Amino acid sequence: MAILQIVTYPNKLLEKKSKKVADFDERLWSLLDDMYDTMVEADGVGLAAPQVGILEQIAVIDAGDENGKIELINPVLIEKRGNENGIEGCLSIPGIYGEVKRASFIKIKAQDRMGKAFILEASGFLARVIQHEMDHLNGVLFTTKAAELFDEDELETIEG
C-alpha cells in the first residue's frame, strides 16, 4: 500500500469530469487500497480519484459510522430529499472551509471493487460526504457551492 500525493487547488485537474471505470482489475483494487490509506493518513473522511490525479469515477469514504469503509465506483444519484446546511472542508483545499447546502437524504447506485452494482441510502453526515465526493467526480469543488468561506481561525470561532 502506498500513500498517494493529494492534488491541491488551483490544479485544473480538480475541475475536470471523470470517466467511468470499465476494468475491475488488480490495478483498480490497488488504487482503492492506496486511496483509502491516503485518506486515513491525511485525516480525511472521503477521497475521490481526481484528488490523487486520476480522472476516473472512484471514491472511498469512511465517515466514522457503522458503515465503515465504503468504496464507490461509477456512482449515480438516483434520489435526494430535504436540505441541510453544514460546514465542509476538503483535502484538496487545505485550510479553507465553507457552509454548503446539501440534500439531507440520498440514494445512490454504484459498483463495488468487483463490478457488482449496489444501492446505498444515506442521510446526515454520510450523505454530505458522499455528495461532496461525487461532486469531485464531476469536477465540482465545494467552494463553488459554499454560501460563505472561512479559514481555520474563523472556523474555530464559529464552532466555539
C-alpha atoms as a PDB file:
ATOM      1  CA  MET A   1       0.000   0.000   0.000  1.00  0.00           C
ATOM      2  CA  ALA A   2       1.198   3.454  -0.864  1.00  0.00           C
ATOM      3  CA  ILE A   3       0.355   6.946   0.288  1.00  0.00           C
ATOM      4  CA  LEU A   4      -0.527   8.956  -2.817  1.00  0.00           C
ATOM      5  CA  GLN A   5       0.086  12.662  -3.361  1.00  0.00           C
ATOM      6  CA  ILE A   6      -3.076  14.722  -2.989  1.00  0.00           C
ATOM      7  CA  VAL A   7      -3.687  17.201  -5.806  1.00  0.00           C
ATOM      8  CA  THR A   8      -4.431  20.660  -4.430  1.00  0.00           C
ATOM      9  CA  TYR A   9      -6.254  23.708  -5.771  1.00  0.00           C
ATOM     10  CA  PRO A  10      -5.682  25.556  -8.121  1.00  0.00           C
ATOM     11  CA  ASN A  11      -4.702  22.458 -10.154  1.00  0.00           C
ATOM     12  CA  LYS A  12      -7.205  22.436 -13.052  1.00  0.00           C
ATOM     13  CA  LEU A  13      -7.420  18.627 -12.916  1.00  0.00           C
ATOM     14  CA  LEU A  14      -9.776  19.087  -9.962  1.00  0.00           C
ATOM     15  CA  GLU A  15     -12.284  20.840 -12.241  1.00  0.00           C
ATOM     16  CA  LYS A  16     -12.474  18.121 -14.915  1.00  0.00           C
ATOM     17  CA  LYS A  17     -15.116  15.400 -15.244  1.00  0.00           C
ATOM     18  CA  SER A  18     -14.042  11.848 -14.558  1.00  0.00           C
ATOM     19  CA  LYS A  19     -14.637   8.937 -16.891  1.00  0.00           C
ATOM     20  CA  LYS A  20     -16.463   5.739 -15.994  1.00  0.00           C
ATOM     21  CA  VAL A  21     -14.462   2.764 -14.797  1.00  0.00           C
ATOM     22  CA  ALA A  22     -14.662  -0.190 -17.178  1.00  0.00           C
ATOM     23  CA  ASP A  23     -11.958  -2.521 -15.834  1.00  0.00           C
ATOM     24  CA  PHE A  24     -12.434  -4.052 -12.401  1.00  0.00           C
ATOM     25  CA  ASP A  25      -8.964  -5.494 -12.049  1.00  0.00           C
ATOM     26  CA  GLU A  26      -5.923  -5.565  -9.780  1.00  0.00           C
ATOM     27  CA  ARG A  27      -4.943  -2.013 -10.800  1.00  0.00           C
ATOM     28  CA  LEU A  28      -8.317  -0.778  -9.528  1.00  0.00           C
ATOM     29  CA  TRP A  29      -8.097  -2.806  -6.313  1.00  0.00           C
ATOM     30  CA  SER A  30      -4.623  -1.468  -5.597  1.00  0.00           C
ATOM     31  CA  LEU A  31      -5.776   2.100  -6.304  1.00  0.00           C
ATOM     32  CA  LEU A  32      -8.747   1.695  -3.935  1.00  0.00           C
ATOM     33  CA  ASP A  33      -6.447   0.425  -1.176  1.00  0.00           C
ATOM     34  CA  ASP A  34      -3.935   3.229  -1.754  1.00  0.00           C
ATOM     35  CA  MET A  35      -6.678   5.866  -1.826  1.00  0.00           C
ATOM     36  CA  TYR A  36      -8.094   4.592   1.463  1.00  0.00           C
ATOM     37  CA  ASP A  37      -4.655   4.631   3.121  1.00  0.00           C
ATOM     38  CA  THR A  38      -4.031   8.128   1.739  1.00  0.00           C
ATOM     39  CA  MET A  39      -7.371   9.379   3.074  1.00  0.00           C
ATOM     40  CA  VAL A  40      -6.705   7.938   6.542  1.00  0.00           C
ATOM     41  CA  GLU A  41      -3.136   9.310   6.605  1.00  0.00           C
ATOM     42  CA  ALA A  42      -4.488  12.789   5.696  1.00  0.00           C
ATOM     43  CA  ASP A  43      -7.184  12.526   8.407  1.00  0.00           C
ATOM     44  CA  GLY A  44      -9.989  12.758   5.841  1.00  0.00           C
ATOM     45  CA  VAL A  45     -13.406  11.125   5.634  1.00  0.00           C
ATOM     46  CA  GLY A  46     -13.571  10.880   1.849  1.00  0.00           C
ATOM     47  CA  LEU A  47     -11.277  10.927  -1.165  1.00  0.00           C
ATOM     48  CA  ALA A  48     -12.100  10.910  -4.873  1.00  0.00           C
ATOM     49  CA  ALA A  49      -9.742   9.685  -7.591  1.00  0.00           C
ATOM     50  CA  PRO A  50      -9.302  13.165  -9.167  1.00  0.00           C
ATOM     51  CA  GLN A  51      -7.792  14.251  -5.836  1.00  0.00           C
ATOM     52  CA  VAL A  52      -4.913  11.849  -6.473  1.00  0.00           C
ATOM     53  CA  GLY A  53      -4.594  12.796 -10.146  1.00  0.00           C
ATOM     54  CA  ILE A  54      -6.783  10.085 -11.692  1.00  0.00           C
ATOM     55  CA  LEU A  55      -9.839  11.144 -13.706  1.00  0.00           C
ATOM     56  CA  GLU A  56     -11.959   8.068 -13.015  1.00  0.00           C
ATOM     57  CA  GLN A  57     -15.269   7.737 -11.162  1.00  0.00           C
ATOM     58  CA  ILE A  58     -13.845   6.256  -7.963  1.00  0.00           C
ATOM     59  CA  ALA A  59     -14.264   7.410  -4.358  1.00  0.00           C
ATOM     60  CA  VAL A  60     -13.513   5.993  -0.927  1.00  0.00           C
ATOM     61  CA  ILE A  61     -15.322   7.079   2.221  1.00  0.00           C
ATOM     62  CA  ASP A  62     -15.160   6.338   5.916  1.00  0.00           C
ATOM     63  CA  ALA A  63     -17.402   8.732   7.814  1.00  0.00           C
ATOM     64  CA  GLY A  64     -16.666   7.057  11.152  1.00  0.00           C
ATOM     65  CA  ASP A  65     -20.102   5.434  11.393  1.00  0.00           C
ATOM     66  CA  GLU A  66     -21.424   1.864  11.305  1.00  0.00           C
ATOM     67  CA  ASN A  67     -20.944   1.716   7.519  1.00  0.00           C
ATOM     68  CA  GLY A  68     -17.159   1.784   7.890  1.00  0.00           C
ATOM     69  CA  LYS A  69     -15.171   1.760   4.657  1.00  0.00           C
ATOM     70  CA  ILE A  70     -17.260   2.472   1.545  1.00  0.00           C
ATOM     71  CA  GLU A  71     -15.936   2.158  -1.992  1.00  0.00           C
ATOM     72  CA  LEU A  72     -17.936   3.846  -4.740  1.00  0.00           C
ATOM     73  CA  ILE A  73     -17.234   3.172  -8.390  1.00  0.00           C
ATOM     74  CA  ASN A  74     -19.320   4.855 -11.102  1.00  0.00           C
ATOM     75  CA  PRO A  75     -21.804   6.267  -8.546  1.00  0.00           C
ATOM     76  CA  VAL A  76     -25.087   7.737  -9.761  1.00  0.00           C
ATOM     77  CA  LEU A  77     -27.517   9.759  -7.650  1.00  0.00           C
ATOM     78  CA  ILE A  78     -30.996   8.255  -8.019  1.00  0.00           C
ATOM     79  CA  GLU A  79     -32.900  10.093  -5.281  1.00  0.00           C
ATOM     80  CA  LYS A  80     -32.435  13.042  -2.957  1.00  0.00           C
ATOM     81  CA  ARG A  81     -34.669  14.679  -0.348  1.00  0.00           C
ATOM     82  CA  GLY A  82     -34.538  17.528   2.096  1.00  0.00           C
ATOM     83  CA  ASN A  83     -31.857  20.156   2.608  1.00  0.00           C
ATOM     84  CA  GLU A  84     -29.433  20.986   5.349  1.00  0.00           C
ATOM     85  CA  ASN A  85     -26.533  23.374   5.683  1.00  0.00           C
ATOM     86  CA  GLY A  86     -23.201  22.221   7.030  1.00  0.00           C
ATOM     87  CA  ILE A  87     -19.545  23.145   7.204  1.00  0.00           C
ATOM     88  CA  GLU A  88     -17.272  21.333   4.748  1.00  0.00           C
ATOM     89  CA  GLY A  89     -13.564  21.187   4.144  1.00  0.00           C
ATOM     90  CA  CYS A  90     -11.514  19.369   1.521  1.00  0.00           C
ATOM     91  CA  LEU A  91      -8.141  17.641   1.455  1.00  0.00           C
ATOM     92  CA  SER A  92      -7.501  19.353  -1.898  1.00  0.00           C
ATOM     93  CA  ILE A  93      -8.208  22.832  -0.493  1.00  0.00           C
ATOM     94  CA  PRO A  94      -6.375  22.806   2.847  1.00  0.00           C
ATOM     95  CA  GLY A  95      -7.243  25.428   5.446  1.00  0.00           C
ATOM     96  CA  ILE A  96     -10.451  26.591   3.753  1.00  0.00           C
ATOM     97  CA  TYR A  97     -13.956  25.685   4.910  1.00  0.00           C
ATOM     98  CA  GLY A  98     -17.405  26.644   3.738  1.00  0.00           C
ATOM     99  CA  GLU A  99     -21.071  26.396   4.586  1.00  0.00           C
ATOM    100  CA  VAL A 100     -22.697  24.232   1.914  1.00  0.00           C
ATOM    101  CA  LYS A 101     -26.349  23.285   1.385  1.00  0.00           C
ATOM    102  CA  ARG A 102     -26.772  19.574   0.575  1.00  0.00           C
ATOM    103  CA  ALA A 103     -29.614  17.079   0.389  1.00  0.00           C
ATOM    104  CA  SER A 104     -30.216  15.560   3.821  1.00  0.00           C
ATOM    105  CA  PHE A 105     -31.103  12.141   2.335  1.00  0.00           C
ATOM    106  CA  ILE A 106     -29.750  10.489  -0.798  1.00  0.00           C
ATOM    107  CA  LYS A 107     -29.986   7.164  -2.573  1.00  0.00           C
ATOM    108  CA  ILE A 108     -27.219   6.203  -4.973  1.00  0.00           C
ATOM    109  CA  LYS A 109     -26.406   3.309  -7.242  1.00  0.00           C
ATOM    110  CA  ALA A 110     -22.736   2.369  -7.548  1.00  0.00           C
ATOM    111  CA  GLN A 111     -20.445  -0.578  -8.145  1.00  0.00           C
ATOM    112  CA  ASP A 112     -18.066  -2.284  -5.753  1.00  0.00           C
ATOM    113  CA  ARG A 113     -14.455  -3.262  -6.491  1.00  0.00           C
ATOM    114  CA  MET A 114     -15.640  -6.421  -8.255  1.00  0.00           C
ATOM    115  CA  GLY A 115     -18.051  -4.509 -10.502  1.00  0.00           C
ATOM    116  CA  LYS A 116     -21.181  -5.638  -8.683  1.00  0.00           C
ATOM    117  CA  ALA A 117     -23.905  -2.975  -8.550  1.00  0.00           C
ATOM    118  CA  PHE A 118     -25.405  -1.952  -5.209  1.00  0.00           C
ATOM    119  CA  ILE A 119     -27.808   0.649  -3.822  1.00  0.00           C
ATOM    120  CA  LEU A 120     -26.850   2.791  -0.837  1.00  0.00           C
ATOM    121  CA  GLU A 121     -29.116   5.084   1.145  1.00  0.00           C
ATOM    122  CA  ALA A 122     -27.554   7.722   3.355  1.00  0.00           C
ATOM    123  CA  SER A 123     -28.606  10.646   5.493  1.00  0.00           C
ATOM    124  CA  GLY A 124     -26.937  13.324   7.583  1.00  0.00           C
ATOM    125  CA  PHE A 125     -23.146  13.467   7.599  1.00  0.00           C
ATOM    126  CA  LEU A 126     -22.661  10.382   5.418  1.00  0.00           C
ATOM    127  CA  ALA A 127     -24.991  11.823   2.758  1.00  0.00           C
ATOM    128  CA  ARG A 128     -22.966  15.064   2.842  1.00  0.00           C
ATOM    129  CA  VAL A 129     -19.647  13.214   2.401  1.00  0.00           C
ATOM    130  CA  ILE A 130     -20.973  11.126  -0.499  1.00  0.00           C
ATOM    131  CA  GLN A 131     -22.337  14.212  -2.282  1.00  0.00           C
ATOM    132  CA  HIS A 132     -19.025  16.033  -1.755  1.00  0.00           C
ATOM    133  CA  GLU A 133     -17.046  13.135  -3.267  1.00  0.00           C
ATOM    134  CA  MET A 134     -19.494  12.704  -6.152  1.00  0.00           C
ATOM    135  CA  ASP A 135     -19.066  16.417  -6.919  1.00  0.00           C
ATOM    136  CA  HIS A 136     -15.314  15.784  -7.249  1.00  0.00           C
ATOM    137  CA  LEU A 137     -16.062  13.154  -9.907  1.00  0.00           C
ATOM    138  CA  ASN A 138     -17.902  15.841 -11.885  1.00  0.00           C
ATOM    139  CA  GLY A 139     -15.177  18.473 -11.469  1.00  0.00           C
ATOM    140  CA  VAL A 140     -17.154  20.485  -8.907  1.00  0.00           C
ATOM    141  CA  LEU A 141     -15.440  21.892  -5.815  1.00  0.00           C
ATOM    142  CA  PHE A 142     -17.325  22.674  -2.592  1.00  0.00           C
ATOM    143  CA  THR A 143     -16.079  26.260  -2.781  1.00  0.00           C
ATOM    144  CA  THR A 144     -18.353  26.862  -5.787  1.00  0.00           C
ATOM    145  CA  LYS A 145     -21.393  25.813  -3.714  1.00  0.00           C
ATOM    146  CA  ALA A 146     -20.474  27.474  -0.428  1.00  0.00           C
ATOM    147  CA  ALA A 147     -22.591  30.356   0.811  1.00  0.00           C
ATOM    148  CA  GLU A 148     -19.574  31.598   2.758  1.00  0.00           C
ATOM    149  CA  LEU A 149     -15.912  30.571   3.070  1.00  0.00           C
ATOM    150  CA  PHE A 150     -13.801  30.547   6.248  1.00  0.00           C
ATOM    151  CA  ASP A 151     -10.172  29.970   7.164  1.00  0.00           C
ATOM    152  CA  GLU A 152      -9.168  27.810  10.145  1.00  0.00           C
ATOM    153  CA  ASP A 153      -9.178  30.691  12.648  1.00  0.00           C
ATOM    154  CA  GLU A 154     -12.672  31.796  11.601  1.00  0.00           C
ATOM    155  CA  LEU A 155     -13.875  28.177  11.748  1.00  0.00           C
ATOM    156  CA  GLU A 156     -12.712  27.836  15.357  1.00  0.00           C
ATOM    157  CA  THR A 157     -14.681  30.979  16.225  1.00  0.00           C
ATOM    158  CA  ILE A 158     -17.817  29.585  14.537  1.00  0.00           C
ATOM    159  CA  GLU A 159     -17.538  26.159  16.180  1.00  0.00           C
ATOM    160  CA  GLY A 160     -16.896  27.807  19.540  1.00  0.00           C
END
